[in-house]
C-alpha atoms as a PDB file:
ATOM      1  CA  MET A   1     -16.333  20.969  -6.306  1.00  0.00           C
ATOM      2  CA  GLU A   2     -18.424  19.619  -3.455  1.00  0.00           C
ATOM      3  CA  GLU A   3     -16.931  16.132  -3.822  1.00  0.00           C
ATOM      4  CA  SER A   4     -13.366  17.450  -3.683  1.00  0.00           C
ATOM      5  CA  ILE A   5     -14.157  19.241  -0.406  1.00  0.00           C
ATOM      6  CA  PHE A   6     -15.545  15.988   1.007  1.00  0.00           C
ATOM      7  CA  GLN A   7     -12.488  14.086  -0.182  1.00  0.00           C
ATOM      8  CA  GLN A   8     -10.225  16.388   1.836  1.00  0.00           C
ATOM      9  CA  ARG A   9     -12.242  15.737   4.981  1.00  0.00           C
ATOM     10  CA  ILE A  10     -11.429  11.999   5.243  1.00  0.00           C
ATOM     11  CA  ASP A  11      -8.391  10.387   3.635  1.00  0.00           C
ATOM     12  CA  LEU A  12      -9.588   7.220   1.894  1.00  0.00           C
ATOM     13  CA  SER A  13      -6.524   6.663  -0.284  1.00  0.00           C
ATOM     14  CA  GLY A  14      -4.997   3.964   1.934  1.00  0.00           C
ATOM     15  CA  LEU A  15      -8.269   2.029   2.193  1.00  0.00           C
ATOM     16  CA  ASN A  16      -9.004   2.263  -1.549  1.00  0.00           C
ATOM     17  CA  GLN A  17      -5.489   1.193  -2.525  1.00  0.00           C
ATOM     18  CA  SER A  18      -5.578  -1.763  -0.142  1.00  0.00           C
ATOM     19  CA  MET A  19      -8.984  -2.935  -1.390  1.00  0.00           C
ATOM     20  CA  ASP A  20      -7.815  -2.690  -5.025  1.00  0.00           C
ATOM     21  CA  ASN A  21      -4.699  -4.676  -4.139  1.00  0.00           C
ATOM     22  CA  ILE A  22      -6.815  -7.366  -2.460  1.00  0.00           C
ATOM     23  CA  ARG A  23      -9.027  -7.633  -5.565  1.00  0.00           C
ATOM     24  CA  ASN A  24      -5.963  -7.964  -7.793  1.00  0.00           C
ATOM     25  CA  GLU A  25      -4.277 -10.487  -5.528  1.00  0.00           C
ATOM     26  CA  ILE A  26      -7.329 -12.734  -5.195  1.00  0.00           C
ATOM     27  CA  GLY A  27      -7.938 -12.257  -8.930  1.00  0.00           C
ATOM     28  CA  LYS A  28      -4.767 -14.271  -9.554  1.00  0.00           C
ATOM     29  CA  VAL A  29      -6.747 -17.346  -8.472  1.00  0.00           C
ATOM     30  CA  ILE A  30     -10.462 -16.457  -8.612  1.00  0.00           C
ATOM     31  CA  ILE A  31     -11.842 -15.420 -11.989  1.00  0.00           C
ATOM     32  CA  GLY A  32     -15.029 -13.375 -11.745  1.00  0.00           C
ATOM     33  CA  GLN A  33     -17.225 -13.443  -8.603  1.00  0.00           C
ATOM     34  CA  HIS A  34     -16.638  -9.695  -8.179  1.00  0.00           C
ATOM     35  CA  LYS A  35     -19.871  -9.142  -6.238  1.00  0.00           C
ATOM     36  CA  MET A  36     -19.027 -11.875  -3.729  1.00  0.00           C
ATOM     37  CA  LEU A  37     -15.532 -10.475  -3.221  1.00  0.00           C
ATOM     38  CA  ASP A  38     -16.773  -6.909  -2.717  1.00  0.00           C
ATOM     39  CA  LEU A  39     -19.353  -8.053  -0.153  1.00  0.00           C
ATOM     40  CA  LEU A  40     -16.708 -10.125   1.660  1.00  0.00           C
ATOM     41  CA  MET A  41     -14.474  -7.058   1.915  1.00  0.00           C
ATOM     42  CA  ILE A  42     -17.379  -4.905   3.127  1.00  0.00           C
ATOM     43  CA  GLY A  43     -18.179  -7.571   5.727  1.00  0.00           C
ATOM     44  CA  LEU A  44     -14.538  -7.500   6.832  1.00  0.00           C
ATOM     45  CA  LEU A  45     -14.642  -3.708   7.188  1.00  0.00           C
ATOM     46  CA  CYS A  46     -17.936  -3.900   9.111  1.00  0.00           C
ATOM     47  CA  ASP A  47     -16.855  -6.744  11.434  1.00  0.00           C
ATOM     48  CA  GLY A  48     -19.734  -8.871  10.179  1.00  0.00           C
ATOM     49  CA  HIS A  49     -20.203 -12.607   9.691  1.00  0.00           C
ATOM     50  CA  ILE A  50     -21.327 -13.721   6.231  1.00  0.00           C
ATOM     51  CA  LEU A  51     -23.553 -16.515   4.937  1.00  0.00           C
ATOM     52  CA  ILE A  52     -22.601 -17.717   1.449  1.00  0.00           C
ATOM     53  CA  GLU A  53     -25.090 -19.765  -0.536  1.00  0.00           C
ATOM     54  CA  GLY A  54     -24.168 -21.436  -3.796  1.00  0.00           C
ATOM     55  CA  VAL A  55     -23.932 -24.763  -5.555  1.00  0.00           C
ATOM     56  CA  PRO A  56     -20.735 -26.800  -5.081  1.00  0.00           C
ATOM     57  CA  GLY A  57     -17.706 -25.793  -7.126  1.00  0.00           C
ATOM     58  CA  VAL A  58     -18.166 -21.999  -7.348  1.00  0.00           C
ATOM     59  CA  ALA A  59     -15.055 -21.215  -5.234  1.00  0.00           C
ATOM     60  CA  LYS A  60     -16.758 -20.427  -1.900  1.00  0.00           C
ATOM     61  CA  THR A  61     -14.177 -22.272   0.215  1.00  0.00           C
ATOM     62  CA  LEU A  62     -11.234 -21.157  -1.907  1.00  0.00           C
ATOM     63  CA  THR A  63     -12.213 -17.491  -1.623  1.00  0.00           C
ATOM     64  CA  ALA A  64     -12.385 -17.773   2.179  1.00  0.00           C
ATOM     65  CA  LYS A  65      -8.869 -19.251   2.260  1.00  0.00           C
ATOM     66  CA  LEU A  66      -7.582 -16.455   0.034  1.00  0.00           C
ATOM     67  CA  MET A  67      -9.158 -13.784   2.255  1.00  0.00           C
ATOM     68  CA  ALA A  68      -7.250 -15.180   5.243  1.00  0.00           C
ATOM     69  CA  LYS A  69      -4.017 -15.259   3.237  1.00  0.00           C
ATOM     70  CA  VAL A  70      -4.157 -11.659   2.000  1.00  0.00           C
ATOM     71  CA  ILE A  71      -4.773 -10.486   5.582  1.00  0.00           C
ATOM     72  CA  ASP A  72      -2.128 -12.886   6.954  1.00  0.00           C
ATOM     73  CA  VAL A  73      -4.345 -14.231   9.735  1.00  0.00           C
ATOM     74  CA  ASP A  74      -5.175 -17.729  10.960  1.00  0.00           C
ATOM     75  CA  PHE A  75      -7.743 -19.744   9.043  1.00  0.00           C
ATOM     76  CA  SER A  76      -9.724 -22.770  10.176  1.00  0.00           C
ATOM     77  CA  ARG A  77     -12.350 -24.869   8.438  1.00  0.00           C
ATOM     78  CA  ILE A  78     -15.146 -26.741  10.196  1.00  0.00           C
ATOM     79  CA  GLN A  79     -17.185 -29.259   8.254  1.00  0.00           C
ATOM     80  CA  PHE A  80     -20.641 -29.354   9.817  1.00  0.00           C
ATOM     81  CA  THR A  81     -22.194 -32.820   9.893  1.00  0.00           C
ATOM     82  CA  PRO A  82     -25.245 -34.318  11.671  1.00  0.00           C
ATOM     83  CA  ASP A  83     -23.049 -35.989  14.318  1.00  0.00           C
ATOM     84  CA  LEU A  84     -20.973 -32.881  15.127  1.00  0.00           C
ATOM     85  CA  MET A  85     -21.150 -31.891  18.807  1.00  0.00           C
ATOM     86  CA  PRO A  86     -20.891 -28.351  20.266  1.00  0.00           C
ATOM     87  CA  SER A  87     -17.574 -29.284  21.937  1.00  0.00           C
ATOM     88  CA  ASP A  88     -16.192 -30.163  18.482  1.00  0.00           C
ATOM     89  CA  VAL A  89     -16.687 -26.495  17.556  1.00  0.00           C
ATOM     90  CA  VAL A  90     -15.981 -24.361  20.631  1.00  0.00           C
ATOM     91  CA  GLY A  91     -13.750 -26.722  22.626  1.00  0.00           C
ATOM     92  CA  THR A  92     -14.041 -28.561  25.917  1.00  0.00           C
ATOM     93  CA  SER A  93     -12.434 -29.026  29.329  1.00  0.00           C
ATOM     94  CA  VAL A  94      -9.954 -31.934  29.392  1.00  0.00           C
ATOM     95  CA  PHE A  95      -8.644 -33.652  32.532  1.00  0.00           C
ATOM     96  CA  ASN A  96      -4.868 -33.537  33.052  1.00  0.00           C
ATOM     97  CA  PRO A  97      -3.906 -36.535  35.265  1.00  0.00           C
ATOM     98  CA  LYS A  98      -0.443 -35.092  36.051  1.00  0.00           C
ATOM     99  CA  GLU A  99      -1.855 -31.856  37.420  1.00  0.00           C
ATOM    100  CA  GLY A 100      -5.022 -33.456  38.720  1.00  0.00           C
ATOM    101  CA  ASP A 101      -7.071 -30.663  37.224  1.00  0.00           C
ATOM    102  CA  PHE A 102      -8.996 -29.725  34.088  1.00  0.00           C
ATOM    103  CA  TYR A 103      -7.667 -27.432  31.372  1.00  0.00           C
ATOM    104  CA  PHE A 104      -9.502 -25.866  28.427  1.00  0.00           C
ATOM    105  CA  LYS A 105      -8.734 -27.236  24.978  1.00  0.00           C
ATOM    106  CA  PRO A 106      -9.911 -24.657  22.385  1.00  0.00           C
ATOM    107  CA  GLY A 107     -11.962 -25.820  19.412  1.00  0.00           C
ATOM    108  CA  PRO A 108     -11.418 -24.800  15.775  1.00  0.00           C
ATOM    109  CA  VAL A 109     -13.630 -21.741  16.237  1.00  0.00           C
ATOM    110  CA  PHE A 110     -10.643 -20.136  18.010  1.00  0.00           C
ATOM    111  CA  SER A 111      -9.167 -18.625  14.882  1.00  0.00           C
ATOM    112  CA  ASN A 112      -9.464 -15.399  12.863  1.00  0.00           C
ATOM    113  CA  ILE A 113     -11.346 -16.378   9.721  1.00  0.00           C
ATOM    114  CA  ILE A 114     -13.457 -19.495  10.232  1.00  0.00           C
ATOM    115  CA  LEU A 115     -15.096 -21.242   7.318  1.00  0.00           C
ATOM    116  CA  ILE A 116     -18.089 -23.320   8.392  1.00  0.00           C
ATOM    117  CA  ASP A 117     -18.840 -25.576   5.461  1.00  0.00           C
ATOM    118  CA  GLU A 118     -22.501 -26.550   5.022  1.00  0.00           C
ATOM    119  CA  ILE A 119     -23.640 -24.946   8.259  1.00  0.00           C
ATOM    120  CA  ASN A 120     -27.164 -26.344   7.841  1.00  0.00           C
ATOM    121  CA  ARG A 121     -25.884 -29.947   8.054  1.00  0.00           C
ATOM    122  CA  ALA A 122     -25.536 -29.818  11.850  1.00  0.00           C
ATOM    123  CA  PRO A 123     -28.529 -30.089  14.219  1.00  0.00           C
ATOM    124  CA  ALA A 124     -29.860 -27.254  16.370  1.00  0.00           C
ATOM    125  CA  LYS A 125     -27.722 -28.154  19.406  1.00  0.00           C
ATOM    126  CA  THR A 126     -24.492 -27.605  17.470  1.00  0.00           C
ATOM    127  CA  GLN A 127     -25.783 -24.544  15.632  1.00  0.00           C
ATOM    128  CA  ALA A 128     -26.691 -23.007  19.012  1.00  0.00           C
ATOM    129  CA  ALA A 129     -23.040 -23.290  20.077  1.00  0.00           C
ATOM    130  CA  LEU A 130     -22.324 -20.433  17.666  1.00  0.00           C
ATOM    131  CA  PHE A 131     -24.828 -17.978  19.160  1.00  0.00           C
ATOM    132  CA  GLU A 132     -22.560 -16.505  21.821  1.00  0.00           C
ATOM    133  CA  VAL A 133     -19.344 -16.490  19.809  1.00  0.00           C
ATOM    134  CA  MET A 134     -20.952 -14.820  16.767  1.00  0.00           C
ATOM    135  CA  GLU A 135     -22.559 -12.030  18.756  1.00  0.00           C
ATOM    136  CA  GLU A 136     -20.092 -11.410  21.594  1.00  0.00           C
ATOM    137  CA  ARG A 137     -16.805 -12.742  20.175  1.00  0.00           C
ATOM    138  CA  GLN A 138     -16.360 -14.981  23.210  1.00  0.00           C
ATOM    139  CA  VAL A 139     -17.025 -18.523  24.421  1.00  0.00           C
ATOM    140  CA  THR A 140     -18.089 -19.437  27.967  1.00  0.00           C
ATOM    141  CA  ILE A 141     -17.113 -22.946  29.097  1.00  0.00           C
ATOM    142  CA  ASP A 142     -17.611 -24.107  32.707  1.00  0.00           C
ATOM    143  CA  GLY A 143     -18.281 -20.527  33.785  1.00  0.00           C
ATOM    144  CA  ILE A 144     -15.008 -19.196  32.299  1.00  0.00           C
ATOM    145  CA  THR A 145     -15.123 -16.739  29.400  1.00  0.00           C
ATOM    146  CA  HIS A 146     -12.567 -17.056  26.601  1.00  0.00           C
ATOM    147  CA  GLU A 147     -12.177 -14.062  24.261  1.00  0.00           C
ATOM    148  CA  MET A 148     -11.663 -14.375  20.511  1.00  0.00           C
ATOM    149  CA  ARG A 149      -8.639 -12.836  18.826  1.00  0.00           C
ATOM    150  CA  PHE A 150      -9.004  -9.897  16.432  1.00  0.00           C
ATOM    151  CA  PRO A 151     -10.199 -10.090  13.706  1.00  0.00           C
ATOM    152  CA  PHE A 152     -12.902 -12.715  14.126  1.00  0.00           C
ATOM    153  CA  ILE A 153     -15.202 -13.453  11.181  1.00  0.00           C
ATOM    154  CA  ILE A 154     -17.300 -16.523  10.430  1.00  0.00           C
ATOM    155  CA  LEU A 155     -17.958 -17.350   6.786  1.00  0.00           C
ATOM    156  CA  ALA A 156     -20.644 -20.038   6.556  1.00  0.00           C
ATOM    157  CA  THR A 157     -21.687 -21.841   3.383  1.00  0.00           C
ATOM    158  CA  GLN A 158     -24.947 -23.480   2.356  1.00  0.00           C
ATOM    159  CA  ASN A 159     -25.908 -25.607  -0.633  1.00  0.00           C
ATOM    160  CA  PRO A 160     -29.261 -24.308  -1.971  1.00  0.00           C
ATOM    161  CA  VAL A 161     -30.045 -27.464  -3.948  1.00  0.00           C
ATOM    162  CA  GLU A 162     -29.760 -30.441  -1.613  1.00  0.00           C
ATOM    163  CA  GLN A 163     -32.145 -30.165   1.347  1.00  0.00           C
ATOM    164  CA  GLU A 164     -32.203 -33.804   2.512  1.00  0.00           C
ATOM    165  CA  GLY A 165     -30.428 -34.238   5.836  1.00  0.00           C
ATOM    166  CA  THR A 166     -30.222 -30.496   6.548  1.00  0.00           C
ATOM    167  CA  TYR A 167     -31.475 -28.420   9.482  1.00  0.00           C
ATOM    168  CA  ARG A 168     -32.860 -24.970   8.790  1.00  0.00           C
ATOM    169  CA  LEU A 169     -30.975 -22.208  10.581  1.00  0.00           C
ATOM    170  CA  PRO A 170     -33.089 -20.467  13.251  1.00  0.00           C
ATOM    171  CA  GLU A 171     -34.002 -16.832  12.660  1.00  0.00           C
ATOM    172  CA  ALA A 172     -31.910 -15.709  15.655  1.00  0.00           C
ATOM    173  CA  GLN A 173     -28.807 -17.175  14.048  1.00  0.00           C
ATOM    174  CA  LEU A 174     -29.569 -15.894  10.550  1.00  0.00           C
ATOM    175  CA  ASP A 175     -29.920 -12.416  12.042  1.00  0.00           C
ATOM    176  CA  ARG A 176     -26.304 -12.597  13.218  1.00  0.00           C
ATOM    177  CA  PHE A 177     -25.016 -12.679   9.627  1.00  0.00           C
ATOM    178  CA  ILE A 178     -24.573  -9.213   8.142  1.00  0.00           C
ATOM    179  CA  PHE A 179     -24.979 -10.546   4.578  1.00  0.00           C
ATOM    180  CA  LYS A 180     -26.268 -13.512   2.694  1.00  0.00           C
ATOM    181  CA  ILE A 181     -24.363 -13.769  -0.585  1.00  0.00           C
ATOM    182  CA  ASP A 182     -25.959 -15.727  -3.419  1.00  0.00           C
ATOM    183  CA  VAL A 183     -23.059 -17.008  -5.530  1.00  0.00           C
ATOM    184  CA  GLN A 184     -23.920 -17.498  -9.189  1.00  0.00           C
ATOM    185  CA  TYR A 185     -22.308 -19.626 -11.878  1.00  0.00           C
ATOM    186  CA  PRO A 186     -19.549 -17.884 -13.876  1.00  0.00           C
ATOM    187  CA  SER A 187     -20.276 -16.465 -17.342  1.00  0.00           C
ATOM    188  CA  LEU A 188     -18.872 -18.093 -20.492  1.00  0.00           C
ATOM    189  CA  ASP A 189     -15.877 -15.719 -20.590  1.00  0.00           C
ATOM    190  CA  GLU A 190     -15.199 -16.263 -16.893  1.00  0.00           C
ATOM    191  CA  GLU A 191     -15.427 -20.047 -17.305  1.00  0.00           C
ATOM    192  CA  ILE A 192     -12.891 -19.886 -20.144  1.00  0.00           C
ATOM    193  CA  GLY A 193     -10.668 -17.718 -17.924  1.00  0.00           C
ATOM    194  CA  ILE A 194     -10.871 -20.298 -15.114  1.00  0.00           C
ATOM    195  CA  LEU A 195      -9.814 -23.083 -17.490  1.00  0.00           C
ATOM    196  CA  ASN A 196      -6.934 -21.055 -18.928  1.00  0.00           C
ATOM    197  CA  ASN A 197      -5.794 -19.998 -15.454  1.00  0.00           C
ATOM    198  CA  GLN A 198      -5.659 -23.496 -13.973  1.00  0.00           C
ATOM    199  CA  HIS A 199      -4.873 -25.907 -16.803  1.00  0.00           C
ATOM    200  CA  GLY A 200      -1.096 -25.419 -16.367  1.00  0.00           C
ATOM    201  CA  ARG A 201      -0.929 -24.992 -12.598  1.00  0.00           C
ATOM    202  CA  THR A 202      -2.355 -26.729  -9.570  1.00  0.00           C
ATOM    203  CA  GLN A 203      -4.565 -24.901  -7.075  1.00  0.00           C
ATOM    204  CA  ALA A 204      -1.770 -25.196  -4.490  1.00  0.00           C
ATOM    205  CA  GLN A 205       0.628 -23.390  -6.851  1.00  0.00           C
ATOM    206  CA  LEU A 206      -1.907 -20.634  -7.434  1.00  0.00           C
ATOM    207  CA  LEU A 207      -2.447 -20.228  -3.676  1.00  0.00           C
ATOM    208  CA  HIS A 208       1.305 -20.021  -3.139  1.00  0.00           C
ATOM    209  CA  GLU A 209       1.473 -16.983  -5.434  1.00  0.00           C
ATOM    210  CA  VAL A 210      -0.934 -14.981  -3.249  1.00  0.00           C
ATOM    211  CA  VAL A 211       0.829 -12.689  -0.766  1.00  0.00           C
ATOM    212  CA  ARG A 212      -0.219 -10.630   2.249  1.00  0.00           C
ATOM    213  CA  ILE A 213      -1.728  -7.233   1.447  1.00  0.00           C
ATOM    214  CA  ILE A 214      -2.919  -5.846   4.790  1.00  0.00           C
ATOM    215  CA  SER A 215      -2.517  -6.640   8.480  1.00  0.00           C
ATOM    216  CA  PRO A 216      -5.070  -6.876  11.312  1.00  0.00           C
ATOM    217  CA  MET A 217      -3.903  -3.419  12.439  1.00  0.00           C
ATOM    218  CA  ASP A 218      -4.775  -2.037   9.001  1.00  0.00           C
ATOM    219  CA  ILE A 219      -8.256  -3.537   9.304  1.00  0.00           C
ATOM    220  CA  ASN A 220      -8.722  -1.862  12.666  1.00  0.00           C
ATOM    221  CA  ASN A 221      -7.621   1.481  11.206  1.00  0.00           C
ATOM    222  CA  PHE A 222      -9.919   1.099   8.193  1.00  0.00           C
ATOM    223  CA  ARG A 223     -12.871   0.385  10.488  1.00  0.00           C
ATOM    224  CA  SER A 224     -12.210   3.693  12.268  1.00  0.00           C
ATOM    225  CA  VAL A 225     -12.209   5.437   8.885  1.00  0.00           C
ATOM    226  CA  ILE A 226     -15.536   3.791   7.962  1.00  0.00           C
ATOM    227  CA  GLN A 227     -17.152   5.123  11.141  1.00  0.00           C
ATOM    228  CA  SER A 228     -16.258   8.669  10.043  1.00  0.00           C
ATOM    229  CA  VAL A 229     -18.082   8.378   6.703  1.00  0.00           C
ATOM    230  CA  ILE A 230     -20.885  10.953   6.550  1.00  0.00           C
ATOM    231  CA  ILE A 231     -24.547   9.981   6.282  1.00  0.00           C
ATOM    232  CA  GLU A 232     -27.256  12.649   6.275  1.00  0.00           C
ATOM    233  CA  PRO A 233     -30.276  12.360   8.609  1.00  0.00           C
ATOM    234  CA  ARG A 234     -32.670  11.954   5.642  1.00  0.00           C
ATOM    235  CA  LEU A 235     -30.716   8.865   4.560  1.00  0.00           C
ATOM    236  CA  VAL A 236     -30.798   7.418   8.071  1.00  0.00           C
ATOM    237  CA  GLU A 237     -34.577   7.884   7.929  1.00  0.00           C
ATOM    238  CA  TYR A 238     -34.617   6.172   4.507  1.00  0.00           C
ATOM    239  CA  ILE A 239     -32.889   3.097   5.989  1.00  0.00           C
ATOM    240  CA  ALA A 240     -35.419   2.990   8.832  1.00  0.00           C
ATOM    241  CA  LYS A 241     -38.338   3.243   6.384  1.00  0.00           C
ATOM    242  CA  ILE A 242     -37.008   0.309   4.320  1.00  0.00           C
ATOM    243  CA  VAL A 243     -36.752  -1.914   7.395  1.00  0.00           C
ATOM    244  CA  ILE A 244     -40.104  -0.785   8.846  1.00  0.00           C
ATOM    245  CA  GLU A 245     -41.737  -1.604   5.510  1.00  0.00           C
ATOM    246  CA  THR A 246     -40.573  -5.228   5.805  1.00  0.00           C
ATOM    247  CA  ARG A 247     -42.465  -5.469   9.098  1.00  0.00           C
ATOM    248  CA  ASN A 248     -45.682  -3.989   7.669  1.00  0.00           C
ATOM    249  CA  ASN A 249     -45.657  -5.716   4.285  1.00  0.00           C
ATOM    250  CA  PRO A 250     -48.619  -8.146   3.964  1.00  0.00           C
ATOM    251  CA  ALA A 251     -46.497 -10.483   1.825  1.00  0.00           C
ATOM    252  CA  LEU A 252     -44.106 -11.093   4.707  1.00  0.00           C
ATOM    253  CA  TYR A 253     -44.589 -13.383   7.688  1.00  0.00           C
ATOM    254  CA  LEU A 254     -41.459 -12.007   9.399  1.00  0.00           C
ATOM    255  CA  GLY A 255     -39.781  -8.647   8.848  1.00  0.00           C
ATOM    256  CA  ALA A 256     -36.262  -7.436   9.624  1.00  0.00           C
ATOM    257  CA  SER A 257     -34.933  -6.491  13.069  1.00  0.00           C
ATOM    258  CA  PRO A 258     -33.186  -3.277  14.202  1.00  0.00           C
ATOM    259  CA  ARG A 259     -29.939  -5.232  13.745  1.00  0.00           C
ATOM    260  CA  ALA A 260     -30.737  -5.165  10.012  1.00  0.00           C
ATOM    261  CA  SER A 261     -31.034  -1.362  10.086  1.00  0.00           C
ATOM    262  CA  LEU A 262     -27.616  -1.089  11.703  1.00  0.00           C
ATOM    263  CA  ALA A 263     -26.186  -3.553   9.169  1.00  0.00           C
ATOM    264  CA  ILE A 264     -27.465  -1.487   6.215  1.00  0.00           C
ATOM    265  CA  LEU A 265     -26.049   1.657   7.813  1.00  0.00           C
ATOM    266  CA  ARG A 266     -22.577   0.174   8.379  1.00  0.00           C
ATOM    267  CA  ALA A 267     -22.483  -1.590   5.019  1.00  0.00           C
ATOM    268  CA  SER A 268     -23.548   1.574   3.160  1.00  0.00           C
ATOM    269  CA  LYS A 269     -20.718   3.506   4.798  1.00  0.00           C
ATOM    270  CA  ALA A 270     -18.192   0.818   3.879  1.00  0.00           C
ATOM    271  CA  SER A 271     -19.521   0.615   0.314  1.00  0.00           C
ATOM    272  CA  ALA A 272     -19.236   4.384  -0.121  1.00  0.00           C
ATOM    273  CA  ALA A 273     -15.673   4.387   1.238  1.00  0.00           C
ATOM    274  CA  MET A 274     -14.653   1.561  -1.106  1.00  0.00           C
ATOM    275  CA  LYS A 275     -15.937   3.673  -4.009  1.00  0.00           C
ATOM    276  CA  GLY A 276     -13.769   6.584  -2.903  1.00  0.00           C
ATOM    277  CA  ARG A 277     -16.522   8.646  -1.266  1.00  0.00           C
ATOM    278  CA  ASP A 278     -16.738   9.687   2.359  1.00  0.00           C
ATOM    279  CA  PHE A 279     -20.483  10.268   2.176  1.00  0.00           C
ATOM    280  CA  VAL A 280     -23.357   7.820   1.685  1.00  0.00           C
ATOM    281  CA  THR A 281     -25.792   8.104  -1.245  1.00  0.00           C
ATOM    282  CA  PRO A 282     -29.224   6.482  -1.663  1.00  0.00           C
ATOM    283  CA  GLU A 283     -27.659   4.133  -4.247  1.00  0.00           C
ATOM    284  CA  ASP A 284     -25.281   2.774  -1.591  1.00  0.00           C
ATOM    285  CA  ILE A 285     -28.256   2.007   0.661  1.00  0.00           C
ATOM    286  CA  LYS A 286     -30.273   0.346  -2.121  1.00  0.00           C
ATOM    287  CA  GLU A 287     -27.265  -1.743  -3.153  1.00  0.00           C
ATOM    288  CA  MET A 288     -26.690  -3.027   0.386  1.00  0.00           C
ATOM    289  CA  ALA A 289     -30.353  -3.564   1.306  1.00  0.00           C
ATOM    290  CA  THR A 290     -30.789  -6.825  -0.616  1.00  0.00           C
ATOM    291  CA  PRO A 291     -27.809  -8.820   0.760  1.00  0.00           C
ATOM    292  CA  VAL A 292     -28.581  -7.527   4.270  1.00  0.00           C
ATOM    293  CA  LEU A 293     -32.304  -8.335   4.196  1.00  0.00           C
ATOM    294  CA  ARG A 294     -32.711 -11.441   1.991  1.00  0.00           C
ATOM    295  CA  HIS A 295     -32.013 -13.935   4.801  1.00  0.00           C
ATOM    296  CA  ARG A 296     -33.824 -11.990   7.500  1.00  0.00           C
ATOM    297  CA  ILE A 297     -37.306 -11.871   5.990  1.00  0.00           C
ATOM    298  CA  ILE A 298     -39.766 -14.761   5.670  1.00  0.00           C
ATOM    299  CA  LEU A 299     -42.457 -14.712   3.000  1.00  0.00           C
ATOM    300  CA  THR A 300     -45.991 -15.850   3.731  1.00  0.00           C
ATOM    301  CA  PRO A 301     -46.781 -19.389   2.506  1.00  0.00           C
ATOM    302  CA  GLU A 302     -49.082 -17.918  -0.154  1.00  0.00           C
ATOM    303  CA  LYS A 303     -46.321 -15.780  -1.652  1.00  0.00           C
ATOM    304  CA  GLU A 304     -43.863 -18.692  -1.555  1.00  0.00           C
ATOM    305  CA  MET A 305     -46.354 -20.820  -3.482  1.00  0.00           C
ATOM    306  CA  GLU A 306     -46.618 -18.038  -6.067  1.00  0.00           C
ATOM    307  CA  GLY A 307     -42.867 -18.348  -6.590  1.00  0.00           C
ATOM    308  CA  ILE A 308     -41.991 -14.900  -5.231  1.00  0.00           C
ATOM    309  CA  THR A 309     -38.382 -14.667  -3.980  1.00  0.00           C
ATOM    310  CA  PRO A 310     -37.094 -12.514  -1.096  1.00  0.00           C
ATOM    311  CA  ASP A 311     -34.946 -10.530  -3.573  1.00  0.00           C
ATOM    312  CA  GLU A 312     -37.996  -9.689  -5.690  1.00  0.00           C
ATOM    313  CA  LEU A 313     -39.944  -8.553  -2.647  1.00  0.00           C
ATOM    314  CA  ILE A 314     -37.079  -6.375  -1.400  1.00  0.00           C
ATOM    315  CA  ASP A 315     -36.829  -4.855  -4.877  1.00  0.00           C
ATOM    316  CA  SER A 316     -40.557  -4.028  -4.857  1.00  0.00           C
ATOM    317  CA  ILE A 317     -40.186  -2.350  -1.432  1.00  0.00           C
ATOM    318  CA  LEU A 318     -37.269  -0.244  -2.675  1.00  0.00           C
ATOM    319  CA  LYS A 319     -39.210   0.803  -5.787  1.00  0.00           C
ATOM    320  CA  ALA A 320     -42.295   1.762  -3.763  1.00  0.00           C
ATOM    321  CA  LEU A 321     -40.410   4.010  -1.327  1.00  0.00           C
ATOM    322  CA  GLU A 322     -39.572   7.574  -2.301  1.00  0.00           C
ATOM    323  CA  VAL A 323     -35.806   8.012  -2.622  1.00  0.00           C
ATOM    324  CA  PRO A 324     -34.506  11.073  -0.743  1.00  0.00           C
ATOM    325  CA  ARG A 325     -32.595  13.554  -2.906  1.00  0.00           C
END
């Protein structure tokens, strides 16, 4: 009875139907990877950039392309390399001899969904070029500010295996990603499904079958709906306790920032809405805590040598805290 009253308070039918349609549409091409897709959609609803880590060949780039296609927005791909310069990303001022003046030539970051492939391949100078645009959705060149178009989301990939020739992302940049998604290999059934799906058709043919599901205006409307999702004060306190515990945990060299608390809050609301609820539960918070926190915390050298992973430590924090009921 209580849930039906809540359901009448906020209409989630349009959001739920659209998210189901996106899953089905992308499912024409991508077999499995349901967790990655759900987190990508939550990131879209929360206006958050996402870091995707996985070995080559697990459809990271393809999924990003499909997300742009179902929203019908511009897509650009930037391959980060050691010789990439900041101007290759954000753009530069170019001299026009006819006019006798400079004009701004936008870089590939001026798009809606931007895939940065192997973001840790570029040195610190190029990585730093993303600081302003990720946080403020704008680029300042020669004292002139250029605004990004809506929506603006960066999806960055990393290869967890090969570390030679890579540059570790600074903590300030990692903190600007709402999630870090660890993409796993497909199961046996999923692998068979991938083979059956693609043995008679090319990837280009599969991509051609995918159609637009929602528009940027729909995304804006859905974000307004997400903000209305109810979260009780005791659950807000629960989020704060989780994040505070990362700062006080002796196994951690660096804990999470207040930006992480806000990310868990927004992601929990979006997760609840995608499940058809307009109120947050402790399970929503626990589910979102790991992808929000795993790239923001740094273990002490002793714990790293013991083989402890960030996910295991986050899980131990969640188990130690009393869950509000």
